[in-house]
């Protein structure tokens, strides 16, 4: 596969340990962690507190996509935060809901273990300095106002789920001072864990790119080959300056117009930085006495890789950091690991706020409704893009447009929610006096569009919706003029963020990487978005972070229990 155009240039074939001399090894530890974001810091901290020596490697300075996310941790089953906020929840209710969302990608037994461990993972984070606050936001939203910290970050409030399972707020947003955006709240999750890991003795080597796995004669993973630019080399200052520029540009909000331009520049600069590391970096061989844990993120910033595995989503915007280039997964493959679910992408088409959008009909390129518009944004994005063309429009009348503008501008609505919605309505919406004329403007069949509006109006009047939308969540469109707001995957004023969900196949009880035959690769583990995990079918807010904690700790516990 190294001949494929999507293979990261930094990743080489595995190295034979027998070809190395004892003096070639520059560092050694019981456990080597590759990638030091959310999953990496959890694996390293758990391993260190289990009495193992740990070396963690990161191409930047640590944090990964975790530090730049919205700081939401998905937890339930009766956490102390839920109880303090008066939220009733149980492991069974959490399991019954997540079993549906997991979609069989992972086993029901793994979903059950994840739910049973949820309270402990929450308490483990709190014990290491992560702060949550029991202030409940009861309504459905893509992200709560900054003065609220516990909310429904999934689809449990939607009728199809609420009719079966009692809803519970499980989105635990980290307690940090309020800002006008969600970007960067993840530091409140990562920083305390990193500080605890530092105190536990984890040796973090930053600005280090791992190039290859090292295997012994039996094929077991015994270390990694890495590259670093020496402090004595003048190129280091230039490389750091370039990395700082990349980090700054990659932080451009994913929902704002112009993000695609920033992405193109970031990719060019990232490749330049990799070339500099290969030219000026010095080779280091790092031994792992017990094993290596790959926690290097996904592959969403490797656009060739996304185009190869998930062409339906290539027009979406990458959500993560430039280090999410598939390096971790490809490292695992060179050691014998199997890729799985690489076509799985989460696309975030949030249409609430403004809630008036979710109360209106959403139609595809055939002019047909295709989902309950109040579902979580990733469910909408999946229905738009998975095997489809990614086209969709929210259909509004004059009254709804006025109401939606007021909702988008209301107190508590964050900038990343407000301005894209307003720009999409003011600058990007198509307007027509009749539905026939609107259909012509957006290129959909007029009769199908008219039928969709009639169907949705009937739901608002109390009829049963084939998509299970509540009548109380639907509004009847009146007379024209009508407006079509473009929320397609390539909408110029309303970008669609995406992240990858596939990765290395792992043993669900241990996190050990498996080969194509389902056999374990000795000495190799994976966690977070480098591995197939709990959120690899349908993402809900905070579930990736929760999976990083769960799978990172799982790998470390397994390593601590081995006799190697």
Protein backbone atom coordinates (compact mmCIF):
# COMPACT_ATOMS: atom_id res chain seq x y z
CA UNK A 1 0.00 0.00 0.00
CA UNK A 2 3.00 2.32 0.31
CA UNK A 3 2.78 2.80 -3.47
CA UNK A 4 -0.68 4.31 -3.12
CA UNK A 5 -0.91 8.06 -3.65
CA UNK A 6 -2.56 8.52 -0.28
CA UNK A 7 0.21 6.91 1.79
CA UNK A 8 1.88 9.52 4.10
CA UNK A 9 5.38 10.27 2.85
CA UNK A 10 6.74 10.26 6.40
CA UNK A 11 5.88 6.58 6.97
CA UNK A 12 8.47 3.97 6.04
CA UNK A 13 8.55 0.18 6.06
CA UNK A 14 9.12 -1.50 9.41
CA UNK A 15 12.72 -1.79 10.65
CA UNK A 16 14.28 -5.13 11.60
CA UNK A 17 15.51 -4.88 15.19
CA UNK A 18 18.28 -7.39 14.42
CA UNK A 19 19.84 -4.81 12.11
CA UNK A 20 20.38 -2.43 15.03
CA UNK A 21 23.29 -2.33 17.43
CA UNK A 22 22.73 -1.83 21.18
CA UNK A 23 24.28 1.62 20.85
CA UNK A 24 21.71 2.61 18.21
CA UNK A 25 18.92 2.78 20.78
CA UNK A 26 18.65 6.38 21.97
CA UNK A 27 15.76 5.97 24.46
CA UNK A 28 13.88 3.14 26.13
CA UNK A 29 10.82 2.68 28.31
CA UNK A 30 8.22 0.06 29.15
CA UNK A 31 5.64 1.82 26.99
CA UNK A 32 6.02 4.14 24.00
CA UNK A 33 2.99 6.27 23.10
CA UNK A 34 2.87 7.63 19.54
CA UNK A 35 0.80 10.82 19.43
CA UNK A 36 -0.01 12.85 22.51
CA UNK A 37 -3.54 14.13 22.18
CA UNK A 38 -6.53 13.00 24.21
CA UNK A 39 -6.05 9.25 23.83
CA UNK A 40 -2.27 9.52 24.12
CA UNK A 41 -2.25 11.43 27.38
CA UNK A 42 -4.84 9.06 28.89
CA UNK A 43 -2.82 5.99 27.87
CA UNK A 44 0.41 7.52 29.17
CA UNK A 45 -1.08 8.68 32.47
CA UNK A 46 -2.81 5.37 33.18
CA UNK A 47 0.37 3.43 32.33
CA UNK A 48 2.60 5.65 34.46
CA UNK A 49 0.28 5.40 37.44
CA UNK A 50 0.34 1.62 36.99
CA UNK A 51 4.06 1.69 37.61
CA UNK A 52 5.30 1.58 34.01
CA UNK A 53 7.92 3.87 32.53
CA UNK A 54 6.50 5.84 29.59
CA UNK A 55 7.91 7.81 26.67
CA UNK A 56 5.37 9.80 24.65
CA UNK A 57 6.17 11.18 21.21
CA UNK A 58 4.39 14.02 19.44
CA UNK A 59 5.16 15.85 16.21
CA UNK A 60 4.01 19.09 17.81
CA UNK A 61 3.87 20.00 21.48
CA UNK A 62 1.02 17.71 22.45
CA UNK A 63 -2.72 18.23 22.63
CA UNK A 64 -3.73 17.23 19.13
CA UNK A 65 -7.34 17.78 18.10
CA UNK A 66 -8.48 17.47 21.73
CA UNK A 67 -7.16 20.89 22.73
CA UNK A 68 -8.95 22.71 19.93
CA UNK A 69 -12.33 21.03 20.26
CA UNK A 70 -15.40 22.21 22.15
CA UNK A 71 -14.42 20.57 25.41
CA UNK A 72 -17.35 18.14 25.56
CA UNK A 73 -17.05 14.75 27.24
CA UNK A 74 -19.89 12.28 26.69
CA UNK A 75 -20.67 10.45 29.92
CA UNK A 76 -23.69 8.93 31.57
CA UNK A 77 -25.05 6.22 33.77
CA UNK A 78 -25.30 8.59 36.71
CA UNK A 79 -22.17 10.73 36.92
CA UNK A 80 -21.78 13.02 39.91
CA UNK A 81 -22.25 15.96 37.53
CA UNK A 82 -25.55 14.53 36.27
CA UNK A 83 -26.77 13.83 39.79
CA UNK A 84 -25.86 17.30 41.00
CA UNK A 85 -27.81 18.79 38.08
CA UNK A 86 -30.86 16.64 38.85
CA UNK A 87 -30.46 14.47 35.73
CA UNK A 88 -31.64 10.89 36.13
CA UNK A 89 -29.70 8.39 34.07
CA UNK A 90 -28.69 4.75 34.18
CA UNK A 91 -26.16 2.47 32.53
CA UNK A 92 -29.02 0.57 30.92
CA UNK A 93 -30.55 3.70 29.37
CA UNK A 94 -27.18 4.89 28.11
CA UNK A 95 -26.46 1.45 26.68
CA UNK A 96 -29.83 1.09 24.93
CA UNK A 97 -29.29 4.44 23.20
CA UNK A 98 -25.63 4.01 22.24
CA UNK A 99 -26.26 0.46 21.03
CA UNK A 100 -28.48 1.99 18.34
CA UNK A 101 -25.95 4.68 17.39
CA UNK A 102 -23.03 2.22 17.37
CA UNK A 103 -24.82 0.42 14.56
CA UNK A 104 -23.05 -2.90 15.09
CA UNK A 105 -19.65 -1.50 14.07
CA UNK A 106 -18.45 -2.52 17.51
CA UNK A 107 -20.07 -5.29 19.52
CA UNK A 108 -22.91 -4.73 21.95
CA UNK A 109 -20.61 -6.12 24.65
CA UNK A 110 -18.12 -3.33 24.00
CA UNK A 111 -20.86 -0.72 24.09
CA UNK A 112 -21.97 -2.14 27.43
CA UNK A 113 -18.42 -1.99 28.84
CA UNK A 114 -18.06 1.59 27.65
CA UNK A 115 -21.29 2.57 29.42
CA UNK A 116 -20.39 0.66 32.57
CA UNK A 117 -17.01 2.44 32.69
CA UNK A 118 -18.46 5.87 31.99
CA UNK A 119 -18.87 6.99 35.60
CA UNK A 120 -15.37 5.77 36.47
CA UNK A 121 -13.86 7.57 33.44
CA UNK A 122 -15.66 10.76 34.50
CA UNK A 123 -14.42 10.44 38.07
CA UNK A 124 -10.89 9.59 36.89
CA UNK A 125 -10.77 12.80 34.89
CA UNK A 126 -12.13 14.84 37.79
CA UNK A 127 -9.57 13.27 40.14
CA UNK A 128 -6.85 14.49 37.77
CA UNK A 129 -8.07 18.07 37.69
CA UNK A 130 -10.67 18.22 34.92
CA UNK A 131 -13.60 20.38 36.03
CA UNK A 132 -17.25 19.96 35.09
CA UNK A 133 -20.17 22.01 36.33
CA UNK A 134 -23.76 20.76 36.94
CA UNK A 135 -25.59 23.56 35.12
CA UNK A 136 -28.18 21.96 32.83
CA UNK A 137 -29.35 23.22 29.44
CA UNK A 138 -32.56 21.32 28.75
CA UNK A 139 -33.29 22.26 25.13
CA UNK A 140 -31.81 20.68 22.01
CA UNK A 141 -28.86 22.57 20.54
CA UNK A 142 -25.63 21.92 18.68
CA UNK A 143 -23.68 23.51 21.53
CA UNK A 144 -24.95 25.15 24.73
CA UNK A 145 -24.67 28.84 25.66
CA UNK A 146 -21.46 29.54 27.53
CA UNK A 147 -23.12 29.71 30.94
CA UNK A 148 -24.38 26.11 30.67
CA UNK A 149 -22.23 23.00 31.06
CA UNK A 150 -24.44 19.90 30.81
CA UNK A 151 -26.65 19.34 27.77
CA UNK A 152 -28.19 16.85 25.34
CA UNK A 153 -25.26 16.40 22.96
CA UNK A 154 -26.95 13.60 21.02
CA UNK A 155 -30.37 12.72 19.57
CA UNK A 156 -32.03 11.38 22.73
CA UNK A 157 -34.61 14.19 22.71
CA UNK A 158 -35.80 13.28 19.22
CA UNK A 159 -39.10 11.40 19.09
CA UNK A 160 -37.76 8.16 17.60
CA UNK A 161 -35.40 7.75 20.56
CA UNK A 162 -37.43 9.37 23.34
CA UNK A 163 -40.34 7.04 22.62
CA UNK A 164 -38.08 4.07 23.43
CA UNK A 165 -35.53 5.34 25.94
CA UNK A 166 -35.74 8.02 28.59
CA UNK A 167 -33.59 10.99 27.47
CA UNK A 168 -30.70 12.14 29.61
CA UNK A 169 -28.23 14.99 29.21
CA UNK A 170 -24.79 13.39 28.76
CA UNK A 171 -22.75 16.15 27.16
CA UNK A 172 -20.41 17.32 29.94
CA UNK A 173 -18.78 20.58 28.83
CA UNK A 174 -15.58 21.42 30.64
CA UNK A 175 -15.71 24.28 33.13
CA UNK A 176 -13.66 27.12 31.67
CA UNK A 177 -14.32 30.89 31.56
CA UNK A 178 -16.96 31.66 28.90
CA UNK A 179 -15.84 32.83 25.44
CA UNK A 180 -17.68 33.78 22.28
CA UNK A 181 -16.83 30.49 20.62
CA UNK A 182 -16.46 26.78 21.31
CA UNK A 183 -12.95 26.55 19.88
CA UNK A 184 -10.27 25.75 22.44
CA UNK A 185 -12.42 24.55 25.31
CA UNK A 186 -10.75 21.17 24.90
CA UNK A 187 -7.69 22.53 26.65
CA UNK A 188 -9.71 22.22 29.84
CA UNK A 189 -9.83 18.48 29.22
CA UNK A 190 -6.26 17.99 28.04
CA UNK A 191 -4.15 20.35 30.14
CA UNK A 192 -5.00 18.89 33.58
CA UNK A 193 -4.36 15.36 32.32
CA UNK A 194 -1.02 16.40 30.81
CA UNK A 195 -0.01 18.07 34.06
CA UNK A 196 -0.91 14.89 35.95
CA UNK A 197 1.07 12.83 33.45
CA UNK A 198 4.09 15.11 33.90
CA UNK A 199 3.89 14.58 37.66
CA UNK A 200 3.55 10.83 37.13
CA UNK A 201 6.86 10.80 35.26
CA UNK A 202 5.83 10.56 31.62
CA UNK A 203 8.75 11.58 29.41
CA UNK A 204 7.30 13.63 26.55
CA UNK A 205 9.48 14.13 23.47
CA UNK A 206 7.92 16.90 21.41
CA UNK A 207 8.62 17.88 17.80
CA UNK A 208 9.25 14.24 16.99
CA UNK A 209 7.92 12.48 13.90
CA UNK A 210 7.66 8.70 14.06
CA UNK A 211 8.67 7.19 10.73
CA UNK A 212 8.68 3.44 11.26
CA UNK A 213 7.89 0.58 13.58
CA UNK A 214 10.67 -1.70 14.78
CA UNK A 215 9.96 -5.44 14.78
CA UNK A 216 11.91 -8.36 16.19
CA UNK A 217 12.46 -11.66 14.37
CA UNK A 218 9.02 -12.96 15.43
CA UNK A 219 7.23 -9.86 14.10
CA UNK A 220 6.54 -8.38 17.54
CA UNK A 221 6.71 -4.60 17.88
CA UNK A 222 9.68 -3.64 20.08
CA UNK A 223 10.03 0.07 19.37
CA UNK A 224 9.83 2.91 16.87
CA UNK A 225 12.14 4.84 14.59
CA UNK A 226 11.67 8.60 14.88
CA UNK A 227 13.18 11.81 13.61
CA UNK A 228 13.88 15.08 15.44
CA UNK A 229 15.71 18.26 14.54
CA UNK A 230 18.56 18.84 16.94
CA UNK A 231 18.55 21.95 19.12
CA UNK A 232 21.94 22.79 17.63
CA UNK A 233 20.67 23.00 14.06
CA UNK A 234 19.65 26.41 12.64
CA UNK A 235 16.77 24.72 10.78
CA UNK A 236 14.96 24.09 14.07
CA UNK A 237 13.96 27.74 14.51
CA UNK A 238 12.62 27.87 10.95
CA UNK A 239 10.73 24.60 11.44
CA UNK A 240 9.16 25.87 14.68
CA UNK A 241 8.12 29.11 13.01
CA UNK A 242 6.49 27.13 10.23
CA UNK A 243 4.70 24.86 12.72
CA UNK A 244 3.36 27.88 14.61
CA UNK A 245 1.98 29.30 11.38
CA UNK A 246 0.36 25.97 10.51
CA UNK A 247 -1.25 25.74 13.95
CA UNK A 248 -2.61 29.26 13.73
CA UNK A 249 -4.09 28.81 10.26
CA UNK A 250 -5.55 25.40 11.07
CA UNK A 251 -7.43 27.00 13.97
CA UNK A 252 -9.70 28.92 11.59
CA UNK A 253 -13.30 28.00 12.58
CA UNK A 254 -14.68 25.07 10.58
CA UNK A 255 -18.12 26.59 10.10
CA UNK A 256 -16.95 29.93 8.71
CA UNK A 257 -16.73 30.79 5.01
CA UNK A 258 -13.17 30.76 3.73
CA UNK A 259 -12.12 27.74 5.76
CA UNK A 260 -11.44 25.79 2.56
CA UNK A 261 -8.82 28.37 1.50
CA UNK A 262 -7.11 28.10 4.89
CA UNK A 263 -7.11 24.32 4.59
CA UNK A 264 -5.38 24.43 1.22
CA UNK A 265 -2.63 26.65 2.63
CA UNK A 266 -2.26 24.50 5.74
CA UNK A 267 -1.78 21.38 3.65
CA UNK A 268 0.95 23.04 1.58
CA UNK A 269 2.76 24.24 4.71
CA UNK A 270 2.40 20.86 6.42
CA UNK A 271 4.08 19.11 3.53
CA UNK A 272 6.85 21.68 3.62
CA UNK A 273 7.33 21.06 7.34
CA UNK A 274 7.52 17.30 6.77
CA UNK A 275 10.13 17.82 4.05
CA UNK A 276 12.19 19.96 6.43
CA UNK A 277 12.03 17.29 9.13
CA UNK A 278 13.20 14.61 6.70
CA UNK A 279 16.04 16.83 5.49
CA UNK A 280 17.31 18.18 8.80
CA UNK A 281 16.04 15.70 11.40
CA UNK A 282 18.22 13.15 13.15
CA UNK A 283 17.19 9.51 13.44
CA UNK A 284 16.39 8.10 16.86
CA UNK A 285 15.52 4.53 17.83
CA UNK A 286 13.22 4.23 20.84
CA UNK A 287 12.77 0.86 22.54
CA UNK A 288 9.49 -0.29 24.07
CA UNK A 289 9.97 -3.16 26.54
CA UNK A 290 6.24 -3.91 26.83
CA UNK A 291 4.64 -2.29 23.84
CA UNK A 292 3.75 0.67 21.65
CA UNK A 293 0.39 2.47 21.75
CA UNK A 294 -0.59 4.33 18.57
CA UNK A 295 -2.75 7.34 19.38
CA UNK A 296 -1.90 9.60 16.45
CA UNK A 297 -5.40 10.66 15.43
CA UNK A 298 -7.34 10.07 12.24
CA UNK A 299 -6.68 10.85 8.58
CA UNK A 300 -9.04 13.72 7.74
CA UNK A 301 -6.21 16.12 6.78
CA UNK A 302 -4.85 13.57 4.30
CA UNK A 303 -7.15 14.64 1.48
CA UNK A 304 -5.86 11.98 -0.89
CA UNK A 305 -6.69 9.35 1.72
CA UNK A 306 -10.19 10.77 2.24
CA UNK A 307 -10.76 10.87 -1.53
CA UNK A 308 -9.65 7.24 -1.82
CA UNK A 309 -11.73 5.81 1.01
CA UNK A 310 -14.63 8.29 1.29
CA UNK A 311 -15.20 10.15 -1.99
CA UNK A 312 -18.70 11.19 -0.89
CA UNK A 313 -17.12 13.44 1.75
CA UNK A 314 -14.16 14.99 -0.03
CA UNK A 315 -15.91 18.36 -0.39
CA UNK A 316 -16.32 18.60 3.40
CA UNK A 317 -13.90 20.54 5.55
CA UNK A 318 -11.39 18.62 7.68
CA UNK A 319 -11.95 18.87 11.42
CA UNK A 320 -8.80 18.22 13.43
CA UNK A 321 -5.15 19.19 13.04
CA UNK A 322 -2.71 18.73 10.14
CA UNK A 323 -1.21 15.83 12.12
CA UNK A 324 -4.43 13.90 11.40
CA UNK A 325 -2.87 12.59 8.20
CA UNK A 326 -3.30 8.84 8.69
CA UNK A 327 0.27 8.33 9.90
CA UNK A 328 -0.77 6.36 12.96
CA UNK A 329 -2.97 3.95 11.05
CA UNK A 330 -0.32 3.43 8.36
CA UNK A 331 2.34 2.78 11.01
CA UNK A 332 0.12 0.04 12.37
CA UNK A 333 -0.30 -1.44 8.91
CA UNK A 334 3.48 -1.70 8.43
CA UNK A 335 3.58 -3.82 11.59
CA UNK A 336 0.88 -6.16 10.32
CA UNK A 337 -2.23 -4.41 11.61
CA UNK A 338 -5.47 -4.29 9.64
CA UNK A 339 -7.34 -1.16 8.63
CA UNK A 340 -11.09 -1.20 9.12
CA UNK A 341 -13.89 1.28 8.56
CA UNK A 342 -11.67 3.72 6.70
CA UNK A 343 -14.66 4.92 4.69
CA UNK A 344 -16.44 6.10 7.83
CA UNK A 345 -16.73 9.88 8.10
CA UNK A 346 -18.77 12.07 10.41
CA UNK A 347 -20.21 15.15 8.68
CA UNK A 348 -21.67 17.82 10.96
CA UNK A 349 -24.68 19.51 9.45
CA UNK A 350 -26.06 21.34 12.48
CA UNK A 351 -29.24 23.33 11.81
CA UNK A 352 -30.02 24.35 15.39
CA UNK A 353 -29.57 27.15 16.28
CA UNK A 354 -31.56 28.71 14.78
CA UNK A 355 -34.24 26.26 15.89
CA UNK A 356 -36.62 27.56 13.21
CA UNK A 357 -34.42 25.79 10.66
CA UNK A 358 -34.97 22.47 12.45
CA UNK A 359 -38.72 23.15 12.57
CA UNK A 360 -38.76 23.60 8.78
CA UNK A 361 -38.50 20.98 6.03
CA UNK A 362 -35.04 19.91 4.79
CA UNK A 363 -34.95 18.56 1.24
CA UNK A 364 -32.31 16.87 -0.91
CA UNK A 365 -31.46 17.24 -4.61
CA UNK A 366 -34.56 15.20 -5.47
CA UNK A 367 -36.68 17.76 -3.65
CA UNK A 368 -37.60 15.20 -0.98
CA UNK A 369 -37.40 15.24 2.79
CA UNK A 370 -35.10 12.51 4.09
CA UNK A 371 -34.82 12.82 7.90
CA UNK A 372 -36.28 14.22 11.11
CA UNK A 373 -34.75 17.68 10.99
CA UNK A 374 -34.36 17.82 14.78
CA UNK A 375 -31.84 14.95 14.89
CA UNK A 376 -28.22 15.49 15.89
CA UNK A 377 -26.13 17.17 13.19
CA UNK A 378 -24.01 14.12 12.43
CA UNK A 379 -27.14 12.08 11.72
CA UNK A 380 -28.26 14.73 9.25
CA UNK A 381 -24.80 14.88 7.66
CA UNK A 382 -24.68 11.11 7.28
CA UNK A 383 -28.11 11.04 5.63
CA UNK A 384 -27.01 13.81 3.25
CA UNK A 385 -23.65 12.40 2.23
CA UNK A 386 -23.40 8.65 2.75
CA UNK A 387 -23.81 7.25 -0.76
CA UNK A 388 -25.58 10.45 -1.82
CA UNK A 389 -24.56 13.76 -3.37
CA UNK A 390 -24.43 15.85 -0.19
CA UNK A 391 -27.01 18.36 -1.41
CA UNK A 392 -29.66 19.82 0.94
CA UNK A 393 -31.71 22.97 1.43
CA UNK A 394 -33.75 24.25 4.36
CA UNK A 395 -37.04 25.60 3.03
CA UNK A 396 -38.47 28.63 4.88
CA UNK A 397 -41.22 31.17 4.45
CA UNK A 398 -40.94 34.87 5.25
CA UNK A 399 -42.11 34.44 8.83
CA UNK A 400 -39.62 31.67 9.55
CA UNK A 401 -36.74 33.66 8.07
CA UNK A 402 -37.56 36.55 10.38
CA UNK A 403 -37.81 34.24 13.37
CA UNK A 404 -34.60 32.39 12.46
CA UNK A 405 -32.65 35.65 12.20
CA UNK A 406 -33.87 36.63 15.67
CA UNK A 407 -32.93 33.22 17.09
CA UNK A 408 -29.47 33.34 15.55
CA UNK A 409 -28.88 36.75 17.10
CA UNK A 410 -30.26 35.88 20.53
CA UNK A 411 -28.20 36.15 23.69
CA UNK A 412 -26.13 33.04 24.33
CA UNK A 413 -25.80 32.03 20.69
CA UNK A 414 -22.10 31.69 19.91
CA UNK A 415 -20.37 33.38 16.99
CA UNK A 416 -19.68 30.10 15.19
CA UNK A 417 -23.43 29.40 15.29
CA UNK A 418 -24.66 32.95 14.64
CA UNK A 419 -22.70 34.36 11.73
CA UNK A 420 -22.69 31.42 9.31
CA UNK A 421 -26.45 31.06 9.77
CA UNK A 422 -27.07 34.77 9.20
CA UNK A 423 -24.77 34.92 6.16
CA UNK A 424 -26.42 31.84 4.68
CA UNK A 425 -29.85 33.47 5.02
CA UNK A 426 -28.93 37.02 4.04
CA UNK A 427 -26.34 36.42 1.34
CA UNK A 428 -26.82 32.85 0.16
CA UNK A 429 -30.53 32.02 0.25
CA UNK A 430 -32.57 31.65 -2.94
CA UNK A 431 -35.93 33.46 -2.92
CA UNK A 432 -39.04 32.96 -5.02
CA UNK A 433 -42.71 33.82 -4.82
CA UNK A 434 -43.83 30.24 -5.50
CA UNK A 435 -42.51 26.78 -4.72
CA UNK A 436 -42.37 26.03 -8.46
CA UNK A 437 -40.09 29.01 -9.03
CA UNK A 438 -37.97 28.13 -5.98
CA UNK A 439 -37.57 24.56 -7.22
CA UNK A 440 -36.27 25.88 -10.53
CA UNK A 441 -33.75 28.14 -8.78
CA UNK A 442 -32.25 25.33 -6.70
CA UNK A 443 -32.54 22.69 -9.41
CA UNK A 444 -34.96 20.22 -7.83
CA UNK A 445 -38.20 18.73 -9.24
CA UNK A 446 -41.09 21.10 -8.51
CA UNK A 447 -43.68 18.41 -7.83
CA UNK A 448 -41.37 16.65 -5.36
CA UNK A 449 -40.69 19.89 -3.52
CA UNK A 450 -44.38 20.74 -3.33
CA UNK A 451 -45.16 17.25 -2.00
CA UNK A 452 -42.42 17.59 0.66
CA UNK A 453 -43.84 20.89 1.86
CA UNK A 454 -47.37 19.46 1.94
CA UNK A 455 -46.12 16.44 3.88
CA UNK A 456 -44.30 18.63 6.41
CA UNK A 457 -47.31 20.93 6.78
CA UNK A 458 -49.43 17.86 7.51
CA UNK A 459 -46.99 16.83 10.24
CA UNK A 460 -47.29 20.31 11.77
CA UNK A 461 -51.06 19.79 11.74
CA UNK A 462 -50.79 16.56 13.71
CA UNK A 463 -50.32 13.81 11.14
CA UNK A 464 -47.73 11.07 11.74
CA UNK A 465 -44.42 11.82 10.09
CA UNK A 466 -42.72 8.98 8.16
CA UNK A 467 -39.45 10.33 9.60
CA UNK A 468 -40.78 10.41 13.20
CA UNK A 469 -40.68 14.16 13.65
CA UNK A 470 -42.98 15.46 16.38
CA UNK A 471 -45.83 17.70 15.31
CA UNK A 472 -44.74 20.14 18.00
CA UNK A 473 -41.29 20.32 16.39
CA UNK A 474 -42.70 21.14 12.94
CA UNK A 475 -44.08 24.40 11.61
CA UNK A 476 -46.44 24.89 8.70
CA UNK A 477 -45.12 26.99 5.86
CA UNK A 478 -47.51 29.73 4.74
CA UNK A 479 -47.76 31.56 1.46
CA UNK A 480 -44.75 32.81 -0.47
CA UNK A 481 -42.25 34.24 -0.78
CA UNK A 482 -40.24 31.12 -0.01
CA UNK A 483 -36.53 30.82 0.75
CA UNK A 484 -34.08 27.95 0.24
CA UNK A 485 -30.99 28.04 2.47
CA UNK A 486 -28.14 26.02 1.03
CA UNK A 487 -26.73 23.63 3.66
CA UNK A 488 -25.06 21.25 1.18
CA UNK A 489 -21.62 19.78 1.75
CA UNK A 490 -20.19 22.37 -0.65
CA UNK A 491 -22.33 25.34 0.47
CA UNK A 492 -19.95 28.33 0.10
CA UNK A 493 -21.39 30.25 3.04
CA UNK A 494 -22.13 27.32 5.34
CA UNK A 495 -19.18 24.87 5.34
CA UNK A 496 -19.62 21.28 6.51
CA UNK A 497 -17.00 20.03 9.03
CA UNK A 498 -15.96 16.38 8.77
CA UNK A 499 -13.79 13.97 10.75
CA UNK A 500 -12.71 10.38 10.15
CA UNK A 501 -13.95 7.49 12.30
CA UNK A 502 -12.16 4.41 10.98
CA UNK A 503 -8.75 3.09 12.00
CA UNK A 504 -6.85 0.01 13.06
CA UNK A 505 -8.80 -3.08 14.05
CA UNK A 506 -8.28 -3.78 17.75
CA UNK A 507 -9.25 -6.39 20.30
CA UNK A 508 -12.26 -4.88 22.02
CA UNK A 509 -11.20 -6.02 25.49
CA UNK A 510 -7.52 -5.06 25.35
CA UNK A 511 -7.02 -2.51 22.58
CA UNK A 512 -4.32 -4.70 21.01
CA UNK A 513 -4.04 -4.27 17.25
CA UNK A 514 -5.26 -7.22 15.16
CA UNK A 515 -4.08 -8.38 11.77
CA UNK A 516 -6.23 -9.29 8.76
CA UNK A 517 -6.88 -12.74 10.26
CA UNK A 518 -8.05 -11.28 13.57
CA UNK A 519 -4.86 -12.33 15.35
CA UNK A 520 -3.08 -9.93 17.76
CA UNK A 521 0.05 -8.10 16.70
CA UNK A 522 2.42 -8.65 19.61
CA UNK A 523 3.45 -5.46 21.36
CA UNK A 524 1.11 -3.11 19.44
CA UNK A 525 -1.98 -1.28 20.72
CA UNK A 526 -4.09 1.57 19.36
CA UNK A 527 -6.59 4.04 20.80
CA UNK A 528 -8.57 7.13 19.92
CA UNK A 529 -9.16 7.95 16.29
CA UNK A 530 -6.27 5.72 15.22
CA UNK A 531 -8.47 2.74 16.11
CA UNK A 532 -11.99 1.59 15.35
CA UNK A 533 -13.97 2.72 18.38
CA UNK A 534 -17.26 3.39 20.05
CA UNK A 535 -18.11 6.35 17.76
CA UNK A 536 -17.09 4.71 14.48
CA UNK A 537 -20.65 4.47 13.16
CA UNK A 538 -22.36 7.69 14.18
CA UNK A 539 -20.66 10.45 16.13
CA UNK A 540 -22.35 12.49 18.85
CA UNK A 541 -20.71 15.44 20.59
CA UNK A 542 -18.20 14.40 23.21
CA UNK A 543 -18.18 10.74 22.19
CA UNK A 544 -14.76 10.90 20.54
CA UNK A 545 -13.19 12.39 23.68
CA UNK A 546 -14.96 9.79 25.80
CA UNK A 547 -13.66 7.05 23.52
CA UNK A 548 -10.13 8.50 23.81
CA UNK A 549 -10.34 8.21 27.59
CA UNK A 550 -11.89 4.75 27.48
CA UNK A 551 -9.60 3.26 24.82
CA UNK A 552 -6.44 5.00 26.03
CA UNK A 553 -6.91 3.68 29.55
CA UNK A 554 -7.88 0.25 28.17
CA UNK A 555 -4.59 -0.10 26.30
CA UNK A 556 -2.54 1.02 29.31
CA UNK A 557 -4.31 -1.38 31.67
CA UNK A 558 -3.67 -4.23 29.24
CA UNK A 559 0.02 -3.39 29.03
CA UNK A 560 0.27 -3.15 32.80
CA UNK A 561 -1.22 -6.63 33.15
CA UNK A 562 1.13 -8.32 30.68
CA UNK A 563 4.08 -10.26 31.99
CA UNK A 564 6.40 -9.10 29.24
